[in-house]
Amino acid sequence: MTRTIVESKTKTAVIGFDEPFCVIGERINPTGRKILNVELEAGDFSRVEADAIAQVAAGATVLDINSGAVFSNKMAEDPRYADNNFVEPTLMRQLVEVVQNVVDIPLCIDSSVPGALENGLAAAEGRPLLNSVTGEEERLELVLPLVKKYNVPVVAISNDDTGISEDPEVRFAVAKKIVERAADFGIPAHDIVVDPLVMPIGAMATAGQQVFTLVRRLREELGVNTTCGASNISFGLPNRHGINNAFLPMAMGAGMTSAIMNPVALPVNAAKIAEKKAEVAAAGIILPEDIDDETFVTLFGMGSTKPRAGKEMEAIRAANFLTNNDDGGAAWIEFNRQAPKAGQEGRGRAGRTGGRRRRA
């Protein structure tokens, strides 16, 4: 069976057909995150540290680190900051070092800038995953030598000089080309993790079916592991979690072995809590004066005031159990174990001390 090995200093993650689904946490990425961009520009990595810790706690087995920041203020002062080739190599090294200081988990080095990829590989402990190579000749010639030099696995994205094709046959052909070119560099198929590219289901009704068919072919014909940007499937639609929760187990059933995704359900913010409390009061519902925010949001099904594992993680863990990749359901049981309330530690069912009582 194909097994792709990714390592940190002391931890190993295995992506494989007969392994639990590998969740690659995507949160450490400044793209589209204005606040994170501003913080990184100021040299503040506290949010990066918090995101790393929260994703690992939620069940991520690998962390993707993307250095694609835009430093608008520095750009106005120094035109060099308008060039990602100037910004990303230094930032990537900093991000890798910061993350490795707070968690010990394999990393995925993610950039379109070759200098950032090499800096990330040089700074990463263990054997990271490289993200990514595409089918363009120029990209193949830049990235595959790095993959060989550092002896790391790589994500292969199924697009080339012609762009992203809506034809799954073309996307398969691009993946096959990358696997064959990698072999020319002495890179084995088990170190290629193909992203067949998930199209939004709202724009293409057959997007889900295409991916499932492609994943089966990639597994059976090329013998490679697969990944995807999981949330792409629900882009632009309401209740995205509902679609993602269905998509991920179906993709796993087709043979997909990993996904780049957000494993964390973000905490409910103070503004939403205040808004809900106003609604409750307007409805004439009287709550205890000393009710805390966590109890309140739990009572009204709003989520949590703290980061926690998202619904997608629940679907993935259930699918692991159903595909016999969770021995005896131990991970599923642990995932659903409720933490005891304050003062209830060490108590059994219904808060009784000592668990079930025997009949006399």
Protein backbone atom coordinates (compact mmCIF):
# COMPACT_ATOMS: atom_id res chain seq x y z
CA MET A 1 0.00 0.00 0.00
CA THR A 2 1.19 3.54 -0.78
CA ARG A 3 2.39 5.36 2.31
CA THR A 4 3.66 8.95 2.35
CA ILE A 5 5.77 9.69 5.43
CA VAL A 6 5.82 13.23 6.89
CA GLU A 7 7.81 13.94 10.06
CA SER A 8 8.52 16.62 12.65
CA LYS A 9 11.34 16.43 15.17
CA THR A 10 9.72 13.53 17.04
CA LYS A 11 6.29 12.90 15.43
CA THR A 12 5.36 10.99 12.28
CA ALA A 13 2.23 11.39 10.17
CA VAL A 14 1.45 8.72 7.59
CA ILE A 15 -0.74 9.48 4.58
CA GLY A 16 -1.95 6.20 3.17
CA PHE A 17 -4.77 4.10 1.76
CA ASP A 18 -5.01 2.03 4.95
CA GLU A 19 -4.35 4.88 7.39
CA PRO A 20 -6.64 7.32 9.24
CA PHE A 21 -7.44 10.37 7.12
CA CYS A 22 -4.69 12.99 7.36
CA VAL A 23 -5.94 16.47 8.26
CA ILE A 24 -3.60 19.25 7.12
CA GLY A 25 -4.54 22.38 9.06
CA GLU A 26 -4.80 25.45 6.81
CA ARG A 27 -5.16 28.34 9.30
CA ILE A 28 -1.58 29.63 9.17
CA ASN A 29 -2.15 31.49 5.94
CA PRO A 30 -2.36 35.29 5.62
CA THR A 31 -4.27 35.13 2.32
CA GLY A 32 -7.56 36.91 2.86
CA ARG A 33 -6.84 37.46 6.57
CA LYS A 34 -6.34 41.21 6.92
CA ILE A 35 -5.68 41.18 10.67
CA LEU A 36 -3.06 38.44 10.37
CA ASN A 37 -1.33 40.36 7.55
CA VAL A 38 -1.13 43.48 9.72
CA GLU A 39 0.22 41.49 12.68
CA LEU A 40 2.86 39.72 10.60
CA GLU A 41 3.96 43.01 9.10
CA ALA A 42 4.47 44.30 12.67
CA GLY A 43 6.42 41.18 13.64
CA ASP A 44 3.60 39.91 15.88
CA PHE A 45 3.32 36.10 15.66
CA SER A 46 0.96 35.57 18.60
CA ARG A 47 -2.01 34.69 16.36
CA VAL A 48 0.16 32.20 14.46
CA GLU A 49 1.07 30.53 17.76
CA ALA A 50 -2.57 30.41 18.85
CA ASP A 51 -3.70 29.02 15.47
CA ALA A 52 -1.02 26.32 15.59
CA ILE A 53 -2.01 25.20 19.09
CA ALA A 54 -5.77 25.28 18.34
CA GLN A 55 -5.43 23.23 15.15
CA VAL A 56 -3.37 20.53 16.82
CA ALA A 57 -5.86 20.40 19.70
CA ALA A 58 -8.69 20.01 17.17
CA GLY A 59 -7.01 17.02 15.53
CA ALA A 60 -4.78 18.29 12.72
CA THR A 61 -1.98 15.82 11.99
CA VAL A 62 0.03 18.19 9.76
CA LEU A 63 0.12 22.01 9.70
CA ASP A 64 0.27 23.93 6.43
CA ILE A 65 2.38 27.10 6.64
CA ASN A 66 1.74 29.65 3.92
CA SER A 67 3.89 32.78 3.69
CA GLY A 68 1.85 34.71 1.07
CA ALA A 69 1.52 37.93 3.07
CA VAL A 70 1.01 41.44 1.69
CA PHE A 71 2.86 44.11 3.67
CA SER A 72 1.02 47.21 2.47
CA ASN A 73 2.65 49.72 4.82
CA LYS A 74 6.19 48.54 4.16
CA MET A 75 5.41 48.47 0.45
CA ALA A 76 4.68 52.19 0.54
CA GLU A 77 8.08 52.84 2.14
CA ASP A 78 10.17 50.33 0.21
CA PRO A 79 9.10 49.02 -3.25
CA ARG A 80 10.94 45.76 -2.65
CA TYR A 81 8.06 44.69 -0.38
CA ALA A 82 5.77 44.58 -3.43
CA ASP A 83 7.75 41.52 -4.58
CA ASN A 84 6.81 38.20 -2.96
CA ASN A 85 10.26 36.91 -3.85
CA PHE A 86 11.61 39.48 -1.38
CA VAL A 87 8.98 39.09 1.37
CA GLU A 88 8.23 35.38 1.53
CA PRO A 89 11.65 33.69 2.01
CA THR A 90 12.33 35.57 5.26
CA LEU A 91 8.75 35.30 6.48
CA MET A 92 8.59 31.57 5.78
CA ARG A 93 11.65 30.88 7.91
CA GLN A 94 10.18 32.95 10.74
CA LEU A 95 6.80 31.19 10.54
CA VAL A 96 8.37 27.73 10.60
CA GLU A 97 10.53 28.60 13.59
CA VAL A 98 7.60 30.15 15.51
CA VAL A 99 5.33 27.16 14.90
CA GLN A 100 8.01 24.63 15.83
CA ASN A 101 8.53 26.46 19.12
CA VAL A 102 4.91 25.87 20.22
CA VAL A 103 3.92 22.51 18.67
CA ASP A 104 5.74 19.36 17.61
CA ILE A 105 3.87 18.26 14.50
CA PRO A 106 4.88 17.67 10.86
CA LEU A 107 4.68 20.74 8.62
CA CYS A 108 3.57 21.46 5.06
CA ILE A 109 5.68 24.22 3.49
CA ASP A 110 3.34 26.19 1.23
CA SER A 111 4.39 28.90 -1.23
CA SER A 112 4.57 29.75 -4.91
CA VAL A 113 8.02 31.32 -4.31
CA PRO A 114 10.94 28.89 -4.73
CA GLY A 115 13.10 30.85 -2.26
CA ALA A 116 10.38 30.56 0.39
CA LEU A 117 10.06 26.82 -0.25
CA GLU A 118 13.79 26.32 0.21
CA ASN A 119 13.94 28.48 3.34
CA GLY A 120 11.02 26.55 4.80
CA LEU A 121 12.65 23.22 4.01
CA ALA A 122 15.93 24.37 5.55
CA ALA A 123 14.24 25.56 8.76
CA ALA A 124 11.85 22.61 9.21
CA GLU A 125 12.84 19.80 11.51
CA GLY A 126 12.17 16.28 10.28
CA ARG A 127 10.61 15.60 6.88
CA PRO A 128 8.00 18.19 5.86
CA LEU A 129 5.55 18.03 2.98
CA LEU A 130 6.21 20.53 0.20
CA ASN A 131 3.25 22.44 -1.26
CA SER A 132 3.41 22.49 -4.23
CA VAL A 133 4.40 21.61 -7.77
CA THR A 134 2.21 22.00 -10.87
CA GLY A 135 2.49 20.73 -14.42
CA GLU A 136 4.11 23.88 -15.88
CA GLU A 137 7.56 23.09 -17.22
CA GLU A 138 9.15 26.02 -15.43
CA ARG A 139 7.62 24.97 -12.11
CA LEU A 140 8.67 21.35 -12.55
CA GLU A 141 12.26 22.40 -13.19
CA LEU A 142 12.28 24.67 -10.11
CA VAL A 143 10.51 22.50 -7.55
CA LEU A 144 11.40 18.89 -8.31
CA PRO A 145 15.13 19.45 -7.69
CA LEU A 146 14.21 20.83 -4.23
CA VAL A 147 12.08 17.76 -3.55
CA LYS A 148 15.00 15.52 -4.47
CA LYS A 149 17.60 17.60 -2.61
CA TYR A 150 15.71 17.55 0.69
CA ASN A 151 14.17 14.07 0.18
CA VAL A 152 10.64 15.25 0.97
CA PRO A 153 7.17 14.42 -0.37
CA VAL A 154 5.36 16.99 -2.50
CA VAL A 155 1.79 18.03 -3.30
CA ALA A 156 1.21 17.88 -7.08
CA ILE A 157 -1.60 20.14 -8.29
CA SER A 158 -3.35 19.06 -11.50
CA ASN A 159 -3.00 22.23 -13.55
CA ASP A 160 -0.40 23.29 -16.10
CA ASP A 161 0.42 26.09 -18.55
CA THR A 162 -3.13 25.95 -19.92
CA GLY A 163 -4.65 26.66 -16.48
CA ILE A 164 -7.23 24.62 -14.58
CA SER A 165 -9.27 22.43 -16.89
CA GLU A 166 -12.89 21.55 -16.18
CA ASP A 167 -12.25 18.26 -17.99
CA PRO A 168 -11.27 15.55 -15.45
CA GLU A 169 -9.40 13.66 -18.19
CA VAL A 170 -7.08 16.64 -18.63
CA ARG A 171 -6.52 16.95 -14.87
CA PHE A 172 -5.66 13.25 -14.67
CA ALA A 173 -3.22 13.61 -17.56
CA VAL A 174 -1.46 16.51 -15.80
CA ALA A 175 -1.14 14.45 -12.61
CA LYS A 176 0.29 11.54 -14.57
CA LYS A 177 2.78 13.87 -16.24
CA ILE A 178 3.98 15.18 -12.86
CA VAL A 179 4.38 11.66 -11.46
CA GLU A 180 6.40 10.63 -14.53
CA ARG A 181 8.59 13.74 -14.43
CA ALA A 182 9.19 13.20 -10.72
CA ALA A 183 10.36 9.68 -11.49
CA ASP A 184 12.96 11.19 -13.86
CA PHE A 185 14.40 12.95 -10.80
CA GLY A 186 14.36 9.73 -8.77
CA ILE A 187 11.29 10.75 -6.76
CA PRO A 188 9.01 7.74 -6.09
CA ALA A 189 5.24 7.81 -6.57
CA HIS A 190 4.66 7.30 -2.85
CA ASP A 191 6.18 10.76 -2.28
CA ILE A 192 3.67 12.44 -4.62
CA VAL A 193 0.37 13.56 -3.08
CA VAL A 194 -1.92 14.65 -5.93
CA ASP A 195 -4.46 17.43 -5.58
CA PRO A 196 -6.96 16.72 -8.40
CA LEU A 197 -8.52 20.18 -7.84
CA VAL A 198 -11.98 20.44 -6.35
CA MET A 199 -14.33 22.74 -8.25
CA PRO A 200 -17.19 24.57 -6.46
CA ILE A 201 -20.36 22.48 -6.63
CA GLY A 202 -22.37 25.71 -6.94
CA ALA A 203 -20.67 26.47 -10.25
CA MET A 204 -20.37 22.92 -11.58
CA ALA A 205 -23.03 20.37 -10.68
CA THR A 206 -20.72 17.43 -11.44
CA ALA A 207 -17.82 18.74 -9.32
CA GLY A 208 -18.25 16.15 -6.57
CA GLN A 209 -18.65 13.24 -8.98
CA GLN A 210 -15.58 14.37 -10.92
CA VAL A 211 -13.40 14.40 -7.82
CA PHE A 212 -14.55 10.98 -6.64
CA THR A 213 -13.84 9.48 -10.08
CA LEU A 214 -10.45 11.17 -10.29
CA VAL A 215 -9.41 10.02 -6.81
CA ARG A 216 -10.24 6.40 -7.68
CA ARG A 217 -8.20 6.61 -10.90
CA LEU A 218 -5.25 8.26 -9.18
CA ARG A 219 -5.22 5.52 -6.58
CA GLU A 220 -5.75 2.58 -8.92
CA GLU A 221 -3.74 3.70 -11.97
CA LEU A 222 -0.95 5.86 -10.51
CA GLY A 223 -0.80 4.47 -6.97
CA VAL A 224 -0.57 7.91 -5.37
CA ASN A 225 -2.07 9.51 -2.30
CA THR A 226 -4.42 12.46 -2.74
CA THR A 227 -5.39 15.71 -1.06
CA CYS A 228 -7.57 18.75 -1.78
CA GLY A 229 -8.64 22.14 -0.52
CA ALA A 230 -11.76 20.70 1.12
CA SER A 231 -13.74 23.92 1.47
CA ASN A 232 -13.55 24.66 -2.28
CA ILE A 233 -16.48 22.30 -2.85
CA SER A 234 -18.90 24.59 -0.95
CA PHE A 235 -17.58 27.97 -2.07
CA GLY A 236 -20.28 30.63 -2.39
CA LEU A 237 -23.06 28.50 -0.91
CA PRO A 238 -25.06 28.71 2.34
CA ASN A 239 -24.43 26.21 5.16
CA ARG A 240 -20.99 25.33 3.84
CA HIS A 241 -20.32 23.04 6.80
CA GLY A 242 -23.26 20.86 5.81
CA ILE A 243 -21.82 20.35 2.31
CA ASN A 244 -18.27 19.85 3.61
CA ASN A 245 -19.49 17.30 6.16
CA ALA A 246 -21.03 15.21 3.38
CA PHE A 247 -18.18 15.72 0.90
CA LEU A 248 -15.29 14.63 3.11
CA PRO A 249 -16.57 11.12 4.01
CA MET A 250 -17.64 10.57 0.39
CA ALA A 251 -14.17 11.59 -0.81
CA MET A 252 -12.63 9.27 1.78
CA GLY A 253 -14.84 6.45 0.52
CA ALA A 254 -13.54 7.10 -2.99
CA GLY A 255 -9.96 6.81 -1.70
CA MET A 256 -8.89 10.34 -0.81
CA THR A 257 -6.27 10.17 1.95
CA SER A 258 -5.83 13.76 3.15
CA ALA A 259 -7.24 17.28 2.93
CA ILE A 260 -6.00 20.80 3.51
CA MET A 261 -8.74 22.29 5.68
CA ASN A 262 -9.66 24.20 8.82
CA PRO A 263 -10.13 21.70 11.67
CA VAL A 264 -11.23 24.37 14.14
CA ALA A 265 -14.70 25.71 14.88
CA LEU A 266 -13.94 29.35 15.57
CA PRO A 267 -15.16 30.75 18.91
CA VAL A 268 -18.36 32.77 19.15
CA ASN A 269 -17.38 36.43 19.51
CA ALA A 270 -18.65 38.90 22.08
CA ALA A 271 -20.77 40.82 19.57
CA LYS A 272 -22.78 37.72 18.61
CA ILE A 273 -23.26 36.81 22.27
CA ALA A 274 -24.54 40.30 23.07
CA GLU A 275 -26.89 40.18 20.07
CA LYS A 276 -28.31 36.82 21.14
CA LYS A 277 -28.75 37.96 24.73
CA ALA A 278 -30.75 40.95 23.47
CA GLU A 279 -32.97 38.60 21.43
CA VAL A 280 -33.52 36.37 24.46
CA ALA A 281 -34.42 39.33 26.66
CA ALA A 282 -36.80 40.69 24.02
CA ALA A 283 -38.55 37.32 23.96
CA GLY A 284 -39.19 37.63 27.69
CA ILE A 285 -36.87 34.79 28.65
CA ILE A 286 -35.32 35.38 32.07
CA LEU A 287 -31.88 33.87 32.59
CA PRO A 288 -29.89 33.53 35.83
CA GLU A 289 -27.93 36.72 36.51
CA ASP A 290 -24.72 34.77 37.03
CA ILE A 291 -24.88 32.75 33.79
CA ASP A 292 -21.47 32.75 32.09
CA ASP A 293 -20.97 33.20 28.35
CA GLU A 294 -19.87 29.59 27.73
CA THR A 295 -23.00 28.20 29.41
CA PHE A 296 -25.13 30.71 27.50
CA VAL A 297 -23.80 29.86 24.03
CA THR A 298 -24.01 26.13 24.77
CA LEU A 299 -27.61 26.48 25.99
CA PHE A 300 -28.66 28.25 22.79
CA GLY A 301 -26.65 26.06 20.41
CA MET A 302 -24.29 28.82 19.32
CA GLY A 303 -21.08 26.82 19.65
CA SER A 304 -18.39 27.76 22.14
CA THR A 305 -16.43 30.77 23.36
CA LYS A 306 -13.27 28.72 22.85
CA PRO A 307 -11.74 27.19 19.72
CA ARG A 308 -12.72 23.54 19.37
CA ALA A 309 -12.87 20.81 16.77
CA GLY A 310 -15.23 21.68 13.92
CA LYS A 311 -18.08 19.61 12.54
CA GLU A 312 -15.89 18.49 9.65
CA MET A 313 -13.61 16.77 12.17
CA GLU A 314 -16.61 14.90 13.55
CA ALA A 315 -17.46 13.64 10.04
CA ILE A 316 -13.85 12.60 9.38
CA ARG A 317 -13.52 10.71 12.67
CA ALA A 318 -16.82 8.92 12.06
CA ALA A 319 -15.64 7.95 8.57
CA ASN A 320 -12.32 6.68 9.98
CA PHE A 321 -14.32 4.45 12.33
CA LEU A 322 -16.60 3.20 9.54
CA THR A 323 -13.64 2.38 7.25
CA ASN A 324 -11.89 0.40 10.01
CA ASN A 325 -9.15 3.01 10.42
CA ASP A 326 -10.00 3.56 14.09
CA ASP A 327 -9.16 0.46 16.09
CA GLY A 328 -12.15 -0.42 18.22
CA GLY A 329 -13.51 3.11 17.84
CA ALA A 330 -11.09 4.39 20.48
CA ALA A 331 -10.48 7.72 18.72
CA TRP A 332 -14.22 8.23 18.13
CA ILE A 333 -15.04 7.53 21.78
CA GLU A 334 -12.29 9.84 23.01
CA PHE A 335 -13.39 12.59 20.61
CA ASN A 336 -16.93 12.45 21.99
CA ARG A 337 -16.00 12.15 25.63
CA GLN A 338 -17.44 15.14 27.47
CA ALA A 339 -15.16 16.93 29.89
CA PRO A 340 -16.54 16.90 33.46
CA LYS A 341 -18.01 20.10 34.80
CA ALA A 342 -16.25 21.92 37.61
CA GLY A 343 -16.65 19.97 40.83
CA GLN A 344 -17.73 16.80 38.97
CA GLU A 345 -14.25 15.40 38.35
CA GLY A 346 -13.92 11.76 39.36
CA ARG A 347 -17.68 11.22 39.42
CA GLY A 348 -19.58 8.65 37.43
CA ARG A 349 -22.93 8.79 35.66
CA ALA A 350 -25.27 11.59 36.79
CA GLY A 351 -22.48 13.03 38.94
CA ARG A 352 -22.52 10.19 41.49
CA THR A 353 -19.21 9.37 43.09
CA GLY A 354 -17.74 5.97 42.30
CA GLY A 355 -19.75 5.24 39.14
CA ARG A 356 -22.46 2.54 39.03
CA ARG A 357 -23.59 1.22 42.39
CA ARG A 358 -24.20 -2.47 42.94
CA ARG A 359 -27.50 -3.79 44.14
CA ALA A 360 -27.40 -5.20 47.63
